């Protein structure tokens, strides 16, 4: 498990607390969702580069710090094409 501390006085901490109050969730849950969305957006941005031929599947995986097989499973889970041919 990875744990992250975010100062509640930091703008990101204030955002998370505000969002949590708005939707009635715990700040930790909102922070986890925020991190997941940010990760998925990063994957989608890299996927666009991959599909355009700017990066290879191996480079894509390296940027994310995962194995290629894990990248293929991740793309499948997100409904994204795993090949660019």
PDB file of N, CA and C in Angstrom:
ATOM      1  N   UNK A   1       0.840  -1.174   0.000  1.00  0.00           N
ATOM      2  CA  UNK A   1       0.000   0.000   0.000  1.00  0.00           C
ATOM      3  C   UNK A   1       0.887   1.239   0.000  1.00  0.00           C
ATOM      4  N   UNK A   2       0.463   2.229  -0.736  1.00  0.00           N
ATOM      5  CA  UNK A   2       1.158   3.516  -0.777  1.00  0.00           C
ATOM      6  C   UNK A   2       0.307   4.518  -0.013  1.00  0.00           C
ATOM      7  N   UNK A   3       0.941   5.237   0.878  1.00  0.00           N
ATOM      8  CA  UNK A   3       0.239   6.280   1.619  1.00  0.00           C
ATOM      9  C   UNK A   3       0.863   7.621   1.277  1.00  0.00           C
ATOM     10  N   UNK A   4       0.019   8.613   1.120  1.00  0.00           N
ATOM     11  CA  UNK A   4       0.466   9.954   0.777  1.00  0.00           C
ATOM     12  C   UNK A   4      -0.136  10.923   1.775  1.00  0.00           C
ATOM     13  N   UNK A   5       0.654  11.871   2.214  1.00  0.00           N
ATOM     14  CA  UNK A   5       0.142  12.916   3.091  1.00  0.00           C
ATOM     15  C   UNK A   5       0.013  14.200   2.286  1.00  0.00           C
ATOM     16  N   UNK A   6      -1.152  14.823   2.384  1.00  0.00           N
ATOM     17  CA  UNK A   6      -1.403  16.091   1.713  1.00  0.00           C
ATOM     18  C   UNK A   6      -1.799  17.088   2.785  1.00  0.00           C
ATOM     19  N   UNK A   7      -1.058  18.155   2.884  1.00  0.00           N
ATOM     20  CA  UNK A   7      -1.346  19.195   3.870  1.00  0.00           C
ATOM     21  C   UNK A   7      -2.690  19.832   3.541  1.00  0.00           C
ATOM     22  N   UNK A   8      -3.560  19.901   4.532  1.00  0.00           N
ATOM     23  CA  UNK A   8      -4.896  20.463   4.292  1.00  0.00           C
ATOM     24  C   UNK A   8      -4.851  21.956   3.978  1.00  0.00           C
ATOM     25  N   UNK A   9      -3.727  22.615   4.241  1.00  0.00           N
ATOM     26  CA  UNK A   9      -3.570  24.028   3.904  1.00  0.00           C
ATOM     27  C   UNK A   9      -2.993  24.235   2.507  1.00  0.00           C
ATOM     28  N   UNK A  10      -2.488  23.171   1.914  1.00  0.00           N
ATOM     29  CA  UNK A  10      -1.994  23.209   0.548  1.00  0.00           C
ATOM     30  C   UNK A  10      -3.204  23.350  -0.385  1.00  0.00           C
ATOM     31  N   UNK A  11      -3.066  24.061  -1.499  1.00  0.00           N
ATOM     32  CA  UNK A  11      -4.218  24.200  -2.404  1.00  0.00           C
ATOM     33  C   UNK A  11      -4.833  22.865  -2.833  1.00  0.00           C
ATOM     34  N   UNK A  12      -4.007  21.854  -3.075  1.00  0.00           N
ATOM     35  CA  UNK A  12      -4.560  20.557  -3.444  1.00  0.00           C
ATOM     36  C   UNK A  12      -5.335  19.962  -2.276  1.00  0.00           C
ATOM     37  N   UNK A  13      -4.816  20.116  -1.063  1.00  0.00           N
ATOM     38  CA  UNK A  13      -5.532  19.628   0.118  1.00  0.00           C
ATOM     39  C   UNK A  13      -6.853  20.346   0.303  1.00  0.00           C
ATOM     40  N   UNK A  14      -6.851  21.644   0.091  1.00  0.00           N
ATOM     41  CA  UNK A  14      -8.088  22.423   0.197  1.00  0.00           C
ATOM     42  C   UNK A  14      -9.100  21.963  -0.847  1.00  0.00           C
ATOM     43  N   UNK A  15      -8.625  21.698  -2.065  1.00  0.00           N
ATOM     44  CA  UNK A  15      -9.501  21.198  -3.124  1.00  0.00           C
ATOM     45  C   UNK A  15     -10.134  19.870  -2.720  1.00  0.00           C
ATOM     46  N   UNK A  16      -9.311  18.963  -2.220  1.00  0.00           N
ATOM     47  CA  UNK A  16      -9.806  17.633  -1.844  1.00  0.00           C
ATOM     48  C   UNK A  16     -10.836  17.742  -0.728  1.00  0.00           C
ATOM     49  N   UNK A  17     -10.566  18.540   0.271  1.00  0.00           N
ATOM     50  CA  UNK A  17     -11.513  18.715   1.380  1.00  0.00           C
ATOM     51  C   UNK A  17     -12.815  19.330   0.864  1.00  0.00           C
ATOM     52  N   UNK A  18     -12.712  20.351   0.038  1.00  0.00           N
ATOM     53  CA  UNK A  18     -13.892  21.004  -0.525  1.00  0.00           C
ATOM     54  C   UNK A  18     -14.729  20.015  -1.337  1.00  0.00           C
ATOM     55  N   UNK A  19     -14.062  19.269  -2.213  1.00  0.00           N
ATOM     56  CA  UNK A  19     -14.752  18.279  -3.052  1.00  0.00           C
ATOM     57  C   UNK A  19     -15.406  17.210  -2.183  1.00  0.00           C
ATOM     58  N   UNK A  20     -14.709  16.751  -1.150  1.00  0.00           N
ATOM     59  CA  UNK A  20     -15.253  15.728  -0.249  1.00  0.00           C
ATOM     60  C   UNK A  20     -16.518  16.232   0.438  1.00  0.00           C
ATOM     61  N   UNK A  21     -16.497  17.481   0.873  1.00  0.00           N
ATOM     62  CA  UNK A  21     -17.678  18.058   1.524  1.00  0.00           C
ATOM     63  C   UNK A  21     -18.833  18.181   0.533  1.00  0.00           C
ATOM     64  N   UNK A  22     -18.527  18.550  -0.701  1.00  0.00           N
ATOM     65  CA  UNK A  22     -19.556  18.704  -1.723  1.00  0.00           C
ATOM     66  C   UNK A  22     -20.281  17.399  -2.019  1.00  0.00           C
ATOM     67  N   UNK A  23     -19.509  16.315  -2.094  1.00  0.00           N
ATOM     68  CA  UNK A  23     -20.107  15.048  -2.508  1.00  0.00           C
ATOM     69  C   UNK A  23     -20.346  14.072  -1.352  1.00  0.00           C
ATOM     70  N   UNK A  24     -19.987  14.482  -0.151  1.00  0.00           N
ATOM     71  CA  UNK A  24     -20.269  13.651   1.023  1.00  0.00           C
ATOM     72  C   UNK A  24     -19.412  12.412   1.137  1.00  0.00           C
ATOM     73  N   UNK A  25     -18.156  12.524   0.724  1.00  0.00           N
ATOM     74  CA  UNK A  25     -17.224  11.404   0.852  1.00  0.00           C
ATOM     75  C   UNK A  25     -16.074  11.814   1.748  1.00  0.00           C
ATOM     76  N   UNK A  26     -15.342  10.824   2.209  1.00  0.00           N
ATOM     77  CA  UNK A  26     -14.154  11.080   3.022  1.00  0.00           C
ATOM     78  C   UNK A  26     -13.056  11.663   2.141  1.00  0.00           C
ATOM     79  N   UNK A  27     -12.267  12.604   2.691  1.00  0.00           N
ATOM     80  CA  UNK A  27     -11.169  13.177   1.904  1.00  0.00           C
ATOM     81  C   UNK A  27     -10.216  12.119   1.328  1.00  0.00           C
ATOM     82  N   UNK A  28      -9.929  11.077   2.076  1.00  0.00           N
ATOM     83  CA  UNK A  28      -9.018  10.030   1.579  1.00  0.00           C
ATOM     84  C   UNK A  28      -9.602   9.346   0.346  1.00  0.00           C
ATOM     85  N   UNK A  29     -10.910   9.145   0.348  1.00  0.00           N
ATOM     86  CA  UNK A  29     -11.569   8.514  -0.806  1.00  0.00           C
ATOM     87  C   UNK A  29     -11.507   9.440  -2.027  1.00  0.00           C
ATOM     88  N   UNK A  30     -11.742  10.724  -1.806  1.00  0.00           N
ATOM     89  CA  UNK A  30     -11.665  11.697  -2.900  1.00  0.00           C
ATOM     90  C   UNK A  30     -10.244  11.767  -3.439  1.00  0.00           C
ATOM     91  N   UNK A  31      -9.254  11.766  -2.554  1.00  0.00           N
ATOM     92  CA  UNK A  31      -7.854  11.817  -2.985  1.00  0.00           C
ATOM     93  C   UNK A  31      -7.496  10.585  -3.812  1.00  0.00           C
ATOM     94  N   UNK A  32      -7.981   9.425  -3.409  1.00  0.00           N
ATOM     95  CA  UNK A  32      -7.730   8.191  -4.156  1.00  0.00           C
ATOM     96  C   UNK A  32      -8.366   8.272  -5.542  1.00  0.00           C
ATOM     97  N   UNK A  33      -9.598   8.753  -5.609  1.00  0.00           N
ATOM     98  CA  UNK A  33     -10.276   8.899  -6.897  1.00  0.00           C
ATOM     99  C   UNK A  33      -9.546   9.907  -7.780  1.00  0.00           C
ATOM    100  N   UNK A  34      -9.077  10.996  -7.181  1.00  0.00           N
ATOM    101  CA  UNK A  34      -8.341  12.023  -7.904  1.00  0.00           C
ATOM    102  C   UNK A  34      -7.058  11.438  -8.491  1.00  0.00           C
ATOM    103  N   UNK A  35      -6.349  10.658  -7.705  1.00  0.00           N
ATOM    104  CA  UNK A  35      -5.117  10.020  -8.174  1.00  0.00           C
ATOM    105  C   UNK A  35      -5.424   9.040  -9.305  1.00  0.00           C
ATOM    106  N   UNK A  36      -6.495   8.267  -9.176  1.00  0.00           N
ATOM    107  CA  UNK A  36      -6.880   7.301 -10.213  1.00  0.00           C
ATOM    108  C   UNK A  36      -7.216   8.027 -11.512  1.00  0.00           C
ATOM    109  N   UNK A  37      -7.996   9.107 -11.425  1.00  0.00           N
ATOM    110  CA  UNK A  37      -8.353   9.883 -12.620  1.00  0.00           C
ATOM    111  C   UNK A  37      -7.115  10.472 -13.283  1.00  0.00           C
ATOM    112  N   UNK A  38      -6.209  10.981 -12.487  1.00  0.00           N
ATOM    113  CA  UNK A  38      -4.982  11.570 -13.016  1.00  0.00           C
ATOM    114  C   UNK A  38      -4.148  10.505 -13.727  1.00  0.00           C
ATOM    115  N   UNK A  39      -4.046   9.328 -13.129  1.00  0.00           N
ATOM    116  CA  UNK A  39      -3.314   8.228 -13.741  1.00  0.00           C
ATOM    117  C   UNK A  39      -3.958   7.828 -15.068  1.00  0.00           C
ATOM    118  N   UNK A  40      -5.282   7.658 -15.060  1.00  0.00           N
ATOM    119  CA  UNK A  40      -5.973   7.248 -16.281  1.00  0.00           C
ATOM    120  C   UNK A  40      -5.836   8.308 -17.372  1.00  0.00           C
ATOM    121  N   UNK A  41      -5.864   9.582 -17.001  1.00  0.00           N
ATOM    122  CA  UNK A  41      -5.668  10.644 -17.989  1.00  0.00           C
ATOM    123  C   UNK A  41      -4.264  10.591 -18.573  1.00  0.00           C
ATOM    124  N   UNK A  42      -3.279  10.283 -17.736  1.00  0.00           N
ATOM    125  CA  UNK A  42      -1.900  10.131 -18.208  1.00  0.00           C
ATOM    126  C   UNK A  42      -1.812   8.975 -19.195  1.00  0.00           C
ATOM    127  N   UNK A  43      -2.446   7.853 -18.862  1.00  0.00           N
ATOM    128  CA  UNK A  43      -2.440   6.694 -19.751  1.00  0.00           C
ATOM    129  C   UNK A  43      -3.107   7.054 -21.077  1.00  0.00           C
ATOM    130  N   UNK A  44      -4.238   7.755 -21.016  1.00  0.00           N
ATOM    131  CA  UNK A  44      -4.940   8.142 -22.253  1.00  0.00           C
ATOM    132  C   UNK A  44      -4.097   9.096 -23.103  1.00  0.00           C
ATOM    133  N   UNK A  45      -3.404  10.028 -22.481  1.00  0.00           N
ATOM    134  CA  UNK A  45      -2.532  10.940 -23.224  1.00  0.00           C
ATOM    135  C   UNK A  45      -1.381  10.174 -23.887  1.00  0.00           C
ATOM    136  N   UNK A  46      -0.776   9.256 -23.141  1.00  0.00           N
ATOM    137  CA  UNK A  46       0.296   8.448 -23.710  1.00  0.00           C
ATOM    138  C   UNK A  46      -0.236   7.543 -24.818  1.00  0.00           C
ATOM    139  N   UNK A  47      -1.455   7.054 -24.644  1.00  0.00           N
ATOM    140  CA  UNK A  47      -2.063   6.180 -25.653  1.00  0.00           C
ATOM    141  C   UNK A  47      -2.221   6.929 -26.976  1.00  0.00           C
ATOM    142  N   UNK A  48      -2.597   8.188 -26.908  1.00  0.00           N
ATOM    143  CA  UNK A  48      -2.710   8.999 -28.132  1.00  0.00           C
ATOM    144  C   UNK A  48      -1.361   9.078 -28.841  1.00  0.00           C
ATOM    145  N   UNK A  49      -0.306   9.274 -28.078  1.00  0.00           N
ATOM    146  CA  UNK A  49       1.039   9.330 -28.656  1.00  0.00           C
ATOM    147  C   UNK A  49       1.428   7.979 -29.252  1.00  0.00           C
ATOM    148  N   UNK A  50       1.065   6.911 -28.568  1.00  0.00           N
ATOM    149  CA  UNK A  50       1.330   5.551 -29.043  1.00  0.00           C
ATOM    150  C   UNK A  50       0.591   5.295 -30.354  1.00  0.00           C
ATOM    151  N   UNK A  51      -0.673   5.658 -30.404  1.00  0.00           N
ATOM    152  CA  UNK A  51      -1.473   5.424 -31.602  1.00  0.00           C
ATOM    153  C   UNK A  51      -0.975   6.267 -32.781  1.00  0.00           C
ATOM    154  N   UNK A  52      -0.412   7.423 -32.489  1.00  0.00           N
ATOM    155  CA  UNK A  52       0.138   8.290 -33.544  1.00  0.00           C
ATOM    156  C   UNK A  52       1.523   7.831 -33.992  1.00  0.00           C
ATOM    157  N   UNK A  53       2.065   6.809 -33.342  1.00  0.00           N
ATOM    158  CA  UNK A  53       3.377   6.297 -33.704  1.00  0.00           C
ATOM    159  C   UNK A  53       4.531   7.086 -33.116  1.00  0.00           C
ATOM    160  N   UNK A  54       4.241   7.966 -32.172  1.00  0.00           N
ATOM    161  CA  UNK A  54       5.299   8.783 -31.565  1.00  0.00           C
ATOM    162  C   UNK A  54       6.130   7.987 -30.564  1.00  0.00           C
ATOM    163  N   UNK A  55       5.510   7.012 -29.915  1.00  0.00           N
ATOM    164  CA  UNK A  55       6.217   6.155 -28.962  1.00  0.00           C
ATOM    165  C   UNK A  55       5.830   4.701 -29.221  1.00  0.00           C
ATOM    166  N   UNK A  56       6.714   3.801 -28.851  1.00  0.00           N
ATOM    167  CA  UNK A  56       6.434   2.372 -28.991  1.00  0.00           C
ATOM    168  C   UNK A  56       5.707   1.864 -27.744  1.00  0.00           C
ATOM    169  N   UNK A  57       5.207   0.660 -27.857  1.00  0.00           N
ATOM    170  CA  UNK A  57       4.563   0.028 -26.703  1.00  0.00           C
ATOM    171  C   UNK A  57       5.552  -0.136 -25.551  1.00  0.00           C
ATOM    172  N   UNK A  58       6.800  -0.468 -25.879  1.00  0.00           N
ATOM    173  CA  UNK A  58       7.820  -0.620 -24.850  1.00  0.00           C
ATOM    174  C   UNK A  58       8.125   0.694 -24.144  1.00  0.00           C
ATOM    175  N   UNK A  59       8.212   1.778 -24.909  1.00  0.00           N
ATOM    176  CA  UNK A  59       8.451   3.092 -24.310  1.00  0.00           C
ATOM    177  C   UNK A  59       7.249   3.496 -23.462  1.00  0.00           C
ATOM    178  N   UNK A  60       6.060   3.237 -23.959  1.00  0.00           N
ATOM    179  CA  UNK A  60       4.819   3.511 -23.238  1.00  0.00           C
ATOM    180  C   UNK A  60       4.878   2.834 -21.864  1.00  0.00           C
ATOM    181  N   UNK A  61       5.202   1.560 -21.856  1.00  0.00           N
ATOM    182  CA  UNK A  61       5.287   0.809 -20.599  1.00  0.00           C
ATOM    183  C   UNK A  61       6.384   1.373 -19.703  1.00  0.00           C
ATOM    184  N   UNK A  62       7.534   1.696 -20.295  1.00  0.00           N
ATOM    185  CA  UNK A  62       8.650   2.248 -19.516  1.00  0.00           C
ATOM    186  C   UNK A  62       8.277   3.566 -18.848  1.00  0.00           C
ATOM    187  N   UNK A  63       7.586   4.425 -19.575  1.00  0.00           N
ATOM    188  CA  UNK A  63       7.170   5.716 -19.004  1.00  0.00           C
ATOM    189  C   UNK A  63       6.286   5.494 -17.779  1.00  0.00           C
ATOM    190  N   UNK A  64       5.419   4.483 -17.858  1.00  0.00           N
ATOM    191  CA  UNK A  64       4.534   4.173 -16.728  1.00  0.00           C
ATOM    192  C   UNK A  64       5.236   3.355 -15.641  1.00  0.00           C
ATOM    193  N   UNK A  65       6.396   2.793 -15.958  1.00  0.00           N
ATOM    194  CA  UNK A  65       7.123   1.984 -14.980  1.00  0.00           C
ATOM    195  C   UNK A  65       6.526   0.609 -14.776  1.00  0.00           C
ATOM    196  N   UNK A  66       5.891   0.074 -15.841  1.00  0.00           N
ATOM    197  CA  UNK A  66       5.264  -1.246 -15.750  1.00  0.00           C
ATOM    198  C   UNK A  66       5.778  -2.139 -16.876  1.00  0.00           C
ATOM    199  N   UNK A  67       5.518  -3.423 -16.764  1.00  0.00           N
ATOM    200  CA  UNK A  67       5.882  -4.382 -17.802  1.00  0.00           C
ATOM    201  C   UNK A  67       4.908  -4.256 -18.977  1.00  0.00           C
ATOM    202  N   UNK A  68       5.357  -4.632 -20.161  1.00  0.00           N
ATOM    203  CA  UNK A  68       4.503  -4.535 -21.351  1.00  0.00           C
ATOM    204  C   UNK A  68       3.231  -5.349 -21.207  1.00  0.00           C
ATOM    205  N   UNK A  69       3.322  -6.527 -20.619  1.00  0.00           N
ATOM    206  CA  UNK A  69       2.112  -7.357 -20.456  1.00  0.00           C
ATOM    207  C   UNK A  69       1.109  -6.650 -19.540  1.00  0.00           C
ATOM    208  N   UNK A  70       1.618  -5.956 -18.514  1.00  0.00           N
ATOM    209  CA  UNK A  70       0.730  -5.207 -17.628  1.00  0.00           C
ATOM    210  C   UNK A  70       0.112  -4.024 -18.363  1.00  0.00           C
ATOM    211  N   UNK A  71       0.869  -3.420 -19.279  1.00  0.00           N
ATOM    212  CA  UNK A  71       0.327  -2.341 -20.093  1.00  0.00           C
ATOM    213  C   UNK A  71      -0.818  -2.850 -20.956  1.00  0.00           C
ATOM    214  N   UNK A  72      -0.628  -3.996 -21.569  1.00  0.00           N
ATOM    215  CA  UNK A  72      -1.675  -4.580 -22.416  1.00  0.00           C
ATOM    216  C   UNK A  72      -2.944  -4.816 -21.601  1.00  0.00           C
ATOM    217  N   UNK A  73      -2.803  -5.363 -20.408  1.00  0.00           N
ATOM    218  CA  UNK A  73      -3.971  -5.591 -19.542  1.00  0.00           C
ATOM    219  C   UNK A  73      -4.614  -4.272 -19.121  1.00  0.00           C
ATOM    220  N   UNK A  74      -3.785  -3.287 -18.804  1.00  0.00           N
ATOM    221  CA  UNK A  74      -4.296  -1.972 -18.414  1.00  0.00           C
ATOM    222  C   UNK A  74      -5.094  -1.343 -19.550  1.00  0.00           C
ATOM    223  N   UNK A  75      -4.533  -1.371 -20.752  1.00  0.00           N
ATOM    224  CA  UNK A  75      -5.241  -0.803 -21.903  1.00  0.00           C
ATOM    225  C   UNK A  75      -6.557  -1.528 -22.143  1.00  0.00           C
ATOM    226  N   UNK A  76      -6.529  -2.839 -22.005  1.00  0.00           N
ATOM    227  CA  UNK A  76      -7.760  -3.626 -22.163  1.00  0.00           C
ATOM    228  C   UNK A  76      -8.801  -3.205 -21.124  1.00  0.00           C
ATOM    229  N   UNK A  77      -8.361  -3.050 -19.881  1.00  0.00           N
ATOM    230  CA  UNK A  77      -9.277  -2.637 -18.806  1.00  0.00           C
ATOM    231  C   UNK A  77      -9.890  -1.260 -19.076  1.00  0.00           C
ATOM    232  N   UNK A  78      -9.115  -0.398 -19.750  1.00  0.00           N
ATOM    233  CA  UNK A  78      -9.604   0.957 -20.049  1.00  0.00           C
ATOM    234  C   UNK A  78     -10.314   1.029 -21.398  1.00  0.00           C
ATOM    235  N   UNK A  79     -10.401  -0.115 -22.082  1.00  0.00           N
ATOM    236  CA  UNK A  79     -11.068  -0.140 -23.377  1.00  0.00           C
ATOM    237  C   UNK A  79     -10.272   0.524 -24.489  1.00  0.00           C
ATOM    238  N   UNK A  80      -8.943   0.523 -24.353  1.00  0.00           N
ATOM    239  CA  UNK A  80      -8.070   1.157 -25.335  1.00  0.00           C
ATOM    240  C   UNK A  80      -7.348   0.092 -26.147  1.00  0.00           C
ATOM    241  N   UNK A  81      -7.110   0.392 -27.401  1.00  0.00           N
ATOM    242  CA  UNK A  81      -6.430  -0.525 -28.308  1.00  0.00           C
ATOM    243  C   UNK A  81      -4.983  -0.727 -27.874  1.00  0.00           C
ATOM    244  N   UNK A  82      -4.522  -1.977 -27.885  1.00  0.00           N
ATOM    245  CA  UNK A  82      -3.171  -2.284 -27.405  1.00  0.00           C
ATOM    246  C   UNK A  82      -2.156  -2.357 -28.541  1.00  0.00           C
ATOM    247  N   UNK A  83      -2.616  -2.285 -29.787  1.00  0.00           N
ATOM    248  CA  UNK A  83      -1.693  -2.266 -30.926  1.00  0.00           C
ATOM    249  C   UNK A  83      -2.002  -1.050 -31.779  1.00  0.00           C
ATOM    250  N   UNK A  84      -0.998  -0.585 -32.504  1.00  0.00           N
ATOM    251  CA  UNK A  84      -1.210   0.588 -33.346  1.00  0.00           C
ATOM    252  C   UNK A  84      -0.979   0.266 -34.828  1.00  0.00           C
ATOM    253  N   UNK A  85      -1.232  -0.966 -35.196  1.00  0.00           N
ATOM    254  CA  UNK A  85      -1.082  -1.357 -36.604  1.00  0.00           C
ATOM    255  C   UNK A  85      -2.439  -1.514 -37.256  1.00  0.00           C
TER     256      UNK A  85
END
